[in-house]
Amino acid sequence: MRSPAVTVGILTENTLSFIFNEAYIHKETGEFLEGEQRVLLVNNKIRFNGKQYEELFFEPASRQTATFDIQGVVIGKNFHWQQKQDQRFKGALNLLATEEGIVAINEVDIEVYLTSVISSEMNATSSIELLKAHAVISRSWLLAQLEKKHHAENNAEKKECSYRDEKKFIRWYDREDHALFDVCADDHCQRYQGIAPSSNLVVEKAVKETWGEILTDGQMICDTRFSKCCGGVTEKFEHCWEPEPHAYLTAIRDNTQGELPDLTTEQEADKWIRNAPMAFCHTTDKAILNQVLNNYDQETIDFYRWKTIYTQQELGNLLHKKTEGIDFGLILDLIPVKRGASGRITELKIVGSKKTFILGKELEIRRILSESHLYSSAFVVDKEDIQKGIPGRFILTGAGWGHGVGLCQIGAAVMATQNYDYKKILQHYYPGTVLIKKY
């Protein structure tokens, strides 16, 4: 049975160069095109071959073999490893004129999309059981988002994703931002970097052997979130996104032994983060890390436990910049107000000599405490060089990489090397779910 298609937002630019490697049909004119093409945004219209359009659609003459290249695609946007790549895609190319620029959208078969996602999210030489587990969760997550989008389009009620007053700003980020396409191509959704990384036969085998398989909770397709490294315990969905619990996205100790301490309390969270308990994702094995982490992800491998140090001036300047001009004065303290089940801070109080303000949820905290993104919000704070009550340095000691919800990619890689099959890996990270064949 043929799988459905998905629309993926690749980039938004005022000028765009792309190459049709085989024949593509320009839907608006019926013309067959090959080779290099260029478009330009002029007065909110797309200028192409001497004419102006609000939208362009290019259909491959052969869906099996035709590909196109887009030059200068930004990957890792706003992360420490942000860079540009020339990428190759299968499927159709749709261009839309917007006030922000020309939006390039790839319409592609879901299983082709998945083959790229798995290779983009991790190394294509990963073990087959890890790749199969990832194929299932990437497919499940995508189909769950499509269901969610369809429901939102038929429901006039708009869900709020932020709260603000004079003392507090709470915000979470989700996929509702994408009105013109189903999902984006970067870490905000799932990494999708075209078909070039996906030539590995093991990846194709993993997708084919799990063709159409998804996880459900018995009623709906599971929203199967995942992150790089949970830091020893996974987080609950509602502590990172909207306050709607998902029974299968809960706090799981990333180990088969030991009780899970109450990491919502400051004392237990402090003890947990300052130590390094045994867990599947607690590994420095380069062979395993090479499976999960692409080259740009391996610039730093201190992610199970890590440290970040700021001087008073560095932290003050960073907070002023990232909060778009809030004048805290001198920074006196960073105080966790609320923690999730994994010890991740969901509300952080910034105490300044001029202003005190509470920020959340976890991604907003990570965003304002780093030039790119802090590894996670599971951290404790030490103050040093204190003079007249004013710290000279702040040391953040943290655990894990990412939001920690759902599958832990490094933990799953370790499980695969210990002979857990993909179904057992899925049951570990998504308890109570059922694996079914959707198509």
Protein backbone atom coordinates (compact mmCIF):
# COMPACT_ATOMS: atom_id res chain seq x y z
CA MET A 1 0.00 0.00 0.00
CA ARG A 2 1.33 3.43 -0.93
CA SER A 3 2.11 5.74 1.99
CA PRO A 4 0.69 9.28 2.19
CA ALA A 5 2.62 12.46 1.36
CA VAL A 6 3.83 15.19 3.68
CA THR A 7 4.75 18.84 3.04
CA VAL A 8 8.04 19.99 4.59
CA GLY A 9 9.14 23.61 4.88
CA ILE A 10 12.81 23.75 3.83
CA LEU A 11 13.75 27.45 4.01
CA THR A 12 12.56 31.02 3.49
CA GLU A 13 14.71 33.41 1.43
CA ASN A 14 14.30 36.48 -0.79
CA THR A 15 16.33 34.80 -3.53
CA LEU A 16 16.56 31.10 -4.17
CA SER A 17 18.65 28.92 -6.49
CA PHE A 18 17.73 25.33 -7.23
CA ILE A 19 18.60 22.67 -9.80
CA PHE A 20 16.31 20.13 -11.45
CA ASN A 21 18.48 17.07 -12.04
CA GLU A 22 15.80 15.51 -14.27
CA ALA A 23 12.65 16.83 -15.93
CA TYR A 24 10.19 18.74 -13.73
CA ILE A 25 6.85 20.09 -14.91
CA HIS A 26 5.99 23.71 -14.17
CA LYS A 27 2.34 23.31 -13.20
CA GLU A 28 1.35 26.89 -14.02
CA THR A 29 2.56 26.67 -17.66
CA GLY A 30 2.90 22.93 -18.35
CA GLU A 31 6.52 23.54 -19.39
CA PHE A 32 9.18 20.86 -18.80
CA LEU A 33 12.26 22.23 -17.03
CA GLU A 34 15.74 20.90 -16.27
CA GLY A 35 18.94 22.39 -14.88
CA GLU A 36 19.56 25.47 -12.76
CA GLN A 37 16.68 27.79 -11.87
CA ARG A 38 16.52 31.04 -9.93
CA VAL A 39 13.67 32.98 -8.32
CA LEU A 40 13.53 36.43 -6.72
CA LEU A 41 11.00 38.09 -4.42
CA VAL A 42 9.83 41.41 -5.92
CA ASN A 43 6.95 43.36 -4.31
CA ASN A 44 5.81 40.22 -2.46
CA LYS A 45 5.64 38.26 -5.72
CA ILE A 46 7.93 35.53 -7.06
CA ARG A 47 9.77 36.62 -10.20
CA PHE A 48 10.58 33.60 -12.37
CA ASN A 49 11.61 33.57 -16.04
CA GLY A 50 10.44 37.15 -16.58
CA LYS A 51 6.99 36.69 -15.00
CA GLN A 52 5.56 37.19 -11.51
CA TYR A 53 3.68 34.59 -9.47
CA GLU A 54 2.18 34.26 -6.01
CA GLU A 55 2.91 30.53 -6.08
CA LEU A 56 4.96 28.10 -8.15
CA PHE A 57 4.57 24.32 -8.20
CA PHE A 58 7.04 21.96 -9.88
CA GLU A 59 6.03 18.31 -10.26
CA PRO A 60 8.64 15.62 -11.08
CA ALA A 61 8.08 13.91 -14.42
CA SER A 62 9.22 10.70 -12.71
CA ARG A 63 8.49 10.38 -9.00
CA GLN A 64 10.80 7.36 -8.78
CA THR A 65 14.01 8.95 -10.04
CA ALA A 66 13.67 12.74 -10.34
CA THR A 67 15.48 14.92 -7.78
CA PHE A 68 16.19 18.60 -7.25
CA ASP A 69 18.92 20.44 -5.33
CA ILE A 70 18.52 23.55 -3.16
CA GLN A 71 21.63 25.56 -2.39
CA GLY A 72 22.50 27.17 0.94
CA VAL A 73 19.96 25.52 3.25
CA VAL A 74 20.51 26.56 6.88
CA ILE A 75 20.63 23.64 9.33
CA GLY A 76 20.78 23.83 13.12
CA LYS A 77 19.18 27.29 13.09
CA ASN A 78 20.10 29.25 16.26
CA PHE A 79 22.10 26.29 17.63
CA HIS A 80 25.85 26.36 18.25
CA TRP A 81 26.54 24.29 15.12
CA GLN A 82 24.41 26.36 12.67
CA GLN A 83 25.73 26.03 9.11
CA LYS A 84 24.63 25.93 5.47
CA GLN A 85 24.32 22.87 3.22
CA ASP A 86 23.44 22.17 -0.40
CA GLN A 87 20.74 19.51 -0.20
CA ARG A 88 19.03 17.10 -2.62
CA PHE A 89 15.35 16.18 -2.48
CA LYS A 90 12.85 13.82 -4.07
CA GLY A 91 9.23 14.72 -4.75
CA ALA A 92 7.65 18.04 -5.73
CA LEU A 93 8.80 21.60 -5.05
CA ASN A 94 6.28 24.28 -4.06
CA LEU A 95 7.29 27.96 -3.74
CA LEU A 96 5.05 30.48 -1.94
CA ALA A 97 5.42 34.27 -1.82
CA THR A 98 5.12 35.72 1.70
CA GLU A 99 6.10 38.96 3.40
CA GLU A 100 9.03 37.14 5.01
CA GLY A 101 10.34 35.79 1.69
CA ILE A 102 9.91 32.87 -0.70
CA VAL A 103 8.99 29.72 1.23
CA ALA A 104 10.36 26.52 -0.33
CA ILE A 105 8.23 23.46 0.45
CA ASN A 106 9.01 19.85 -0.45
CA GLU A 107 6.02 17.56 -1.01
CA VAL A 108 7.34 14.04 -0.52
CA ASP A 109 6.22 10.50 0.26
CA ILE A 110 6.28 9.89 4.02
CA GLU A 111 8.50 6.80 3.78
CA VAL A 112 11.05 8.71 1.66
CA TYR A 113 10.89 11.51 4.22
CA LEU A 114 11.48 9.03 7.06
CA THR A 115 14.55 7.55 5.39
CA SER A 116 16.11 11.01 5.37
CA VAL A 117 14.96 11.93 8.88
CA ILE A 118 16.56 8.88 10.45
CA SER A 119 19.86 9.59 8.71
CA SER A 120 19.65 13.30 9.54
CA GLU A 121 18.79 12.73 13.20
CA MET A 122 21.61 10.23 13.70
CA ASN A 123 24.42 8.44 11.91
CA ALA A 124 23.24 6.17 9.10
CA THR A 125 25.61 3.45 10.37
CA SER A 126 23.63 2.97 13.59
CA SER A 127 22.50 -0.51 14.59
CA ILE A 128 19.43 -1.86 12.79
CA GLU A 129 17.30 -2.14 15.96
CA LEU A 130 17.96 1.50 16.86
CA LEU A 131 17.09 2.58 13.32
CA LYS A 132 13.89 0.52 13.33
CA ALA A 133 12.83 2.04 16.65
CA HIS A 134 13.49 5.49 15.25
CA ALA A 135 11.58 4.72 12.07
CA VAL A 136 8.50 3.84 14.15
CA ILE A 137 8.66 6.93 16.37
CA SER A 138 9.44 9.34 13.53
CA ARG A 139 6.49 7.96 11.55
CA SER A 140 4.22 8.03 14.61
CA TRP A 141 5.19 11.58 15.54
CA LEU A 142 4.59 12.83 12.00
CA LEU A 143 1.18 11.18 11.61
CA ALA A 144 0.20 12.43 15.08
CA GLN A 145 1.09 15.98 14.03
CA LEU A 146 -0.99 15.64 10.86
CA GLU A 147 -3.95 14.45 12.95
CA LYS A 148 -3.42 17.33 15.37
CA LYS A 149 -3.24 19.84 12.52
CA HIS A 150 -6.44 18.45 10.96
CA HIS A 151 -8.21 18.70 14.31
CA ALA A 152 -7.02 22.29 14.81
CA GLU A 153 -8.24 23.30 11.34
CA ASN A 154 -11.70 21.99 12.22
CA ASN A 155 -11.74 23.49 15.70
CA ALA A 156 -12.23 27.23 15.97
CA GLU A 157 -10.88 27.31 19.52
CA LYS A 158 -7.25 28.45 19.54
CA LYS A 159 -5.01 27.05 22.26
CA GLU A 160 -2.76 29.50 24.05
CA CYS A 161 0.94 28.66 24.25
CA SER A 162 2.10 31.52 26.48
CA TYR A 163 1.21 33.53 29.57
CA ARG A 164 2.64 36.91 30.52
CA ASP A 165 2.21 39.50 33.23
CA GLU A 166 4.52 41.95 34.99
CA LYS A 167 6.21 39.22 37.02
CA LYS A 168 6.15 36.13 34.82
CA PHE A 169 6.48 34.90 31.23
CA ILE A 170 5.67 31.24 30.51
CA ARG A 171 5.91 29.97 26.94
CA TRP A 172 6.20 26.67 25.15
CA TYR A 173 6.97 26.01 21.53
CA ASP A 174 5.13 23.57 19.31
CA ARG A 175 4.30 22.88 15.67
CA GLU A 176 1.23 25.12 15.35
CA ASP A 177 3.56 27.82 14.01
CA HIS A 178 3.64 26.05 10.64
CA ALA A 179 0.51 27.16 8.77
CA LEU A 180 1.91 26.81 5.23
CA PHE A 181 3.21 23.23 5.54
CA ASP A 182 2.95 20.17 7.75
CA VAL A 183 6.39 20.20 9.39
CA CYS A 184 9.67 22.10 9.14
CA ALA A 185 13.02 20.58 8.21
CA ASP A 186 15.02 21.51 11.32
CA ASP A 187 15.24 20.53 14.99
CA HIS A 188 12.04 22.39 15.85
CA CYS A 189 10.31 19.39 14.21
CA GLN A 190 12.56 16.57 12.94
CA ARG A 191 15.82 17.02 11.09
CA TYR A 192 15.18 16.52 7.39
CA GLN A 193 18.21 17.20 5.22
CA GLY A 194 17.19 15.74 1.88
CA ILE A 195 18.11 12.38 0.44
CA ALA A 196 21.91 12.71 0.28
CA PRO A 197 22.54 11.33 3.81
CA SER A 198 20.07 8.49 3.31
CA SER A 199 21.89 6.28 0.81
CA ASN A 200 22.88 3.81 3.52
CA LEU A 201 21.19 0.47 2.86
CA VAL A 202 20.72 -0.22 6.58
CA VAL A 203 18.50 2.86 6.92
CA GLU A 204 16.41 1.80 3.94
CA LYS A 205 16.15 -1.69 5.43
CA ALA A 206 14.94 -0.28 8.78
CA VAL A 207 12.23 1.77 7.06
CA LYS A 208 11.08 -1.11 4.87
CA GLU A 209 10.98 -3.61 7.74
CA THR A 210 8.78 -1.27 9.80
CA TRP A 211 6.75 0.02 6.80
CA GLY A 212 3.59 1.70 8.08
CA GLU A 213 4.20 0.71 11.73
CA ILE A 214 3.18 3.23 14.39
CA LEU A 215 2.61 3.41 18.14
CA THR A 216 -0.86 4.07 19.56
CA ASP A 217 -2.21 4.46 23.09
CA GLY A 218 -5.22 2.33 22.13
CA GLN A 219 -7.18 5.30 20.79
CA MET A 220 -4.89 7.78 19.06
CA ILE A 221 -1.52 7.79 17.32
CA CYS A 222 1.18 8.51 19.90
CA ASP A 223 2.95 11.86 19.91
CA THR A 224 6.34 10.15 20.14
CA ARG A 225 8.76 12.88 21.18
CA PHE A 226 12.49 12.17 21.51
CA SER A 227 15.70 13.91 22.53
CA LYS A 228 19.45 13.31 22.40
CA CYS A 229 20.17 12.43 26.02
CA CYS A 230 17.67 12.35 28.88
CA GLY A 231 20.41 12.59 31.53
CA GLY A 232 19.22 9.44 33.31
CA VAL A 233 15.47 10.05 33.52
CA THR A 234 12.85 11.08 30.96
CA GLU A 235 10.54 14.06 31.41
CA LYS A 236 6.74 14.30 31.35
CA PHE A 237 5.15 15.87 28.27
CA GLU A 238 3.17 18.47 30.21
CA HIS A 239 6.28 19.96 31.78
CA CYS A 240 7.62 20.98 28.37
CA TRP A 241 4.51 21.68 26.28
CA GLU A 242 0.78 22.23 26.83
CA PRO A 243 -0.55 21.03 30.20
CA GLU A 244 -2.17 17.89 28.77
CA PRO A 245 -0.63 14.70 30.22
CA HIS A 246 0.16 11.77 27.92
CA ALA A 247 0.36 8.53 29.91
CA TYR A 248 3.11 7.14 27.64
CA LEU A 249 5.27 10.31 27.90
CA THR A 250 6.11 10.10 31.57
CA ALA A 251 9.12 9.94 33.89
CA ILE A 252 11.10 6.75 33.24
CA ARG A 253 14.43 5.98 34.84
CA ASP A 254 16.78 5.20 31.95
CA ASN A 255 17.86 1.97 33.54
CA THR A 256 16.32 -1.35 34.48
CA GLN A 257 17.15 -1.00 38.14
CA GLY A 258 16.65 1.47 40.97
CA GLU A 259 13.80 3.64 42.21
CA LEU A 260 13.22 7.04 40.68
CA PRO A 261 13.73 9.80 43.27
CA ASP A 262 11.34 12.75 43.45
CA LEU A 263 13.31 15.17 41.29
CA THR A 264 10.63 17.86 41.58
CA THR A 265 12.13 18.63 45.01
CA GLU A 266 15.23 20.80 45.10
CA GLN A 267 17.16 18.52 47.45
CA GLU A 268 16.72 15.39 45.32
CA ALA A 269 17.28 17.25 42.03
CA ASP A 270 20.50 18.77 43.39
CA LYS A 271 21.78 15.36 44.50
CA TRP A 272 20.83 13.71 41.18
CA ILE A 273 22.38 16.36 38.93
CA ARG A 274 25.63 16.68 40.89
CA ASN A 275 26.14 12.92 40.65
CA ALA A 276 26.14 10.69 37.59
CA PRO A 277 23.88 7.68 38.28
CA MET A 278 24.10 4.68 36.01
CA ALA A 279 21.79 4.83 33.01
CA PHE A 280 21.66 3.56 29.45
CA CYS A 281 22.58 7.04 28.18
CA HIS A 282 25.52 7.34 30.59
CA THR A 283 28.22 6.32 28.12
CA THR A 284 31.43 7.67 26.62
CA ASP A 285 31.75 4.77 24.17
CA LYS A 286 32.77 6.49 20.93
CA ALA A 287 31.47 3.65 18.79
CA ILE A 288 28.00 4.11 20.29
CA LEU A 289 28.11 7.90 20.21
CA ASN A 290 29.18 7.81 16.57
CA GLN A 291 25.93 5.97 15.81
CA VAL A 292 23.76 8.74 17.21
CA LEU A 293 25.77 11.93 16.77
CA ASN A 294 26.64 13.44 13.41
CA ASN A 295 29.96 15.28 13.09
CA TYR A 296 28.56 18.66 14.14
CA ASP A 297 26.87 17.07 17.17
CA GLN A 298 30.23 15.77 18.42
CA GLU A 299 31.84 19.19 18.89
CA THR A 300 31.17 18.61 22.59
CA ILE A 301 30.42 15.22 24.14
CA ASP A 302 30.01 16.36 27.78
CA PHE A 303 26.24 16.14 27.79
CA TYR A 304 25.30 13.47 30.35
CA ARG A 305 26.71 15.90 32.92
CA TRP A 306 28.02 19.32 31.90
CA LYS A 307 29.07 22.73 33.23
CA THR A 308 28.56 26.28 31.93
CA ILE A 309 30.23 29.26 33.62
CA TYR A 310 29.24 32.93 33.29
CA THR A 311 30.78 36.02 34.83
CA GLN A 312 28.42 38.63 36.28
CA GLN A 313 28.88 40.80 33.19
CA GLU A 314 28.45 37.91 30.74
CA LEU A 315 25.22 36.73 32.36
CA GLY A 316 23.82 40.24 32.67
CA ASN A 317 24.54 41.05 29.03
CA LEU A 318 23.10 37.71 27.88
CA LEU A 319 19.85 38.10 29.83
CA HIS A 320 19.41 41.69 28.65
CA LYS A 321 19.85 40.57 25.04
CA LYS A 322 17.77 37.40 25.19
CA THR A 323 14.85 38.96 27.06
CA GLU A 324 14.81 41.80 24.51
CA GLY A 325 15.80 44.57 26.83
CA ILE A 326 14.66 43.70 30.37
CA ASP A 327 16.92 45.63 32.74
CA PHE A 328 17.63 43.30 35.64
CA GLY A 329 20.53 45.39 36.91
CA LEU A 330 23.13 43.22 38.60
CA ILE A 331 22.18 39.53 38.66
CA LEU A 332 21.88 38.36 42.26
CA ASP A 333 20.48 34.85 41.84
CA LEU A 334 18.92 32.22 39.57
CA ILE A 335 16.33 30.29 41.60
CA PRO A 336 14.38 27.23 40.41
CA VAL A 337 10.68 27.80 41.18
CA LYS A 338 9.34 24.57 39.68
CA ARG A 339 11.02 21.43 38.40
CA GLY A 340 9.61 18.62 36.27
CA ALA A 341 9.86 14.91 37.02
CA SER A 342 13.37 14.70 35.48
CA GLY A 343 14.69 17.65 37.48
CA ARG A 344 14.36 19.99 34.50
CA ILE A 345 13.47 23.50 35.60
CA THR A 346 10.09 24.56 34.22
CA GLU A 347 10.00 27.95 35.98
CA LEU A 348 13.15 29.94 36.80
CA LYS A 349 13.24 33.11 38.91
CA ILE A 350 15.87 35.64 37.82
CA VAL A 351 16.66 37.92 40.75
CA GLY A 352 18.27 41.22 39.79
CA SER A 353 19.09 44.40 41.70
CA LYS A 354 16.48 46.24 39.61
CA LYS A 355 13.98 43.56 38.64
CA THR A 356 12.89 40.04 39.53
CA PHE A 357 11.16 37.98 36.86
CA ILE A 358 10.04 34.35 36.36
CA LEU A 359 10.59 32.57 33.03
CA GLY A 360 9.46 29.18 31.68
CA LYS A 361 9.01 26.57 30.25
CA GLU A 362 12.16 24.55 29.67
CA LEU A 363 13.03 25.69 26.13
CA GLU A 364 12.54 29.34 27.02
CA ILE A 365 14.90 28.88 29.96
CA ARG A 366 17.47 27.21 27.70
CA ARG A 367 17.06 29.97 25.12
CA ILE A 368 17.68 32.89 27.47
CA LEU A 369 20.66 31.28 29.22
CA SER A 370 22.77 30.69 26.11
CA GLU A 371 23.77 32.39 22.88
CA SER A 372 22.26 29.34 21.13
CA HIS A 373 20.55 26.81 23.43
CA LEU A 374 21.65 25.51 26.80
CA TYR A 375 21.95 21.71 26.71
CA SER A 376 18.97 21.31 29.04
CA SER A 377 17.10 23.02 31.87
CA ALA A 378 18.08 20.27 34.33
CA PHE A 379 20.73 22.25 36.19
CA VAL A 380 21.74 23.57 39.59
CA VAL A 381 23.39 26.94 40.21
CA ASP A 382 26.47 27.79 42.28
CA LYS A 383 27.55 31.38 42.94
CA GLU A 384 31.20 32.34 43.47
CA ASP A 385 33.30 35.45 44.17
CA ILE A 386 30.45 37.02 46.14
CA GLN A 387 31.18 40.59 47.21
CA LYS A 388 28.58 42.64 49.12
CA GLY A 389 25.95 40.08 48.11
CA ILE A 390 26.78 40.30 44.40
CA PRO A 391 28.12 37.11 42.75
CA GLY A 392 31.08 37.48 40.42
CA ARG A 393 30.50 34.10 38.74
CA PHE A 394 27.60 31.71 38.16
CA ILE A 395 28.30 28.01 37.57
CA LEU A 396 25.53 25.95 36.00
CA THR A 397 25.97 22.18 36.48
CA GLY A 398 23.52 20.28 34.31
CA ALA A 399 22.25 16.92 33.11
CA GLY A 400 21.25 15.73 29.67
CA TRP A 401 20.78 17.22 26.21
CA GLY A 402 17.31 18.30 25.12
CA HIS A 403 13.84 18.27 26.64
CA GLY A 404 14.17 14.64 27.73
CA VAL A 405 10.64 13.61 26.74
CA GLY A 406 10.13 10.15 25.18
CA LEU A 407 12.93 8.18 23.56
CA CYS A 408 16.48 9.02 24.60
CA GLN A 409 18.53 8.53 21.42
CA ILE A 410 21.82 7.74 23.17
CA GLY A 411 20.08 5.49 25.67
CA ALA A 412 18.32 3.66 22.84
CA ALA A 413 21.64 3.21 21.03
CA VAL A 414 23.12 1.60 24.14
CA MET A 415 20.07 -0.66 24.51
CA ALA A 416 20.48 -1.82 20.90
CA THR A 417 24.12 -2.76 21.55
CA GLN A 418 22.91 -4.78 24.56
CA ASN A 419 20.66 -6.86 22.28
CA TYR A 420 17.33 -5.20 23.02
CA ASP A 421 15.18 -5.34 19.88
CA TYR A 422 13.30 -2.30 18.63
CA LYS A 423 9.99 -3.37 20.20
CA LYS A 424 11.58 -3.61 23.66
CA ILE A 425 13.28 -0.24 23.16
CA LEU A 426 9.91 1.31 22.30
CA GLN A 427 8.22 -0.28 25.30
CA HIS A 428 10.93 1.07 27.60
CA TYR A 429 10.52 4.68 26.50
CA TYR A 430 6.77 4.64 25.70
CA PRO A 431 5.18 2.38 28.37
CA GLY A 432 1.70 1.07 27.70
CA THR A 433 1.74 1.74 23.95
CA VAL A 434 0.68 -0.70 21.21
CA LEU A 435 2.56 -1.23 17.95
CA ILE A 436 0.21 -1.47 14.92
CA LYS A 437 0.47 -1.35 11.14
CA LYS A 438 -1.22 1.81 9.86
CA TYR A 439 -0.77 1.13 6.14
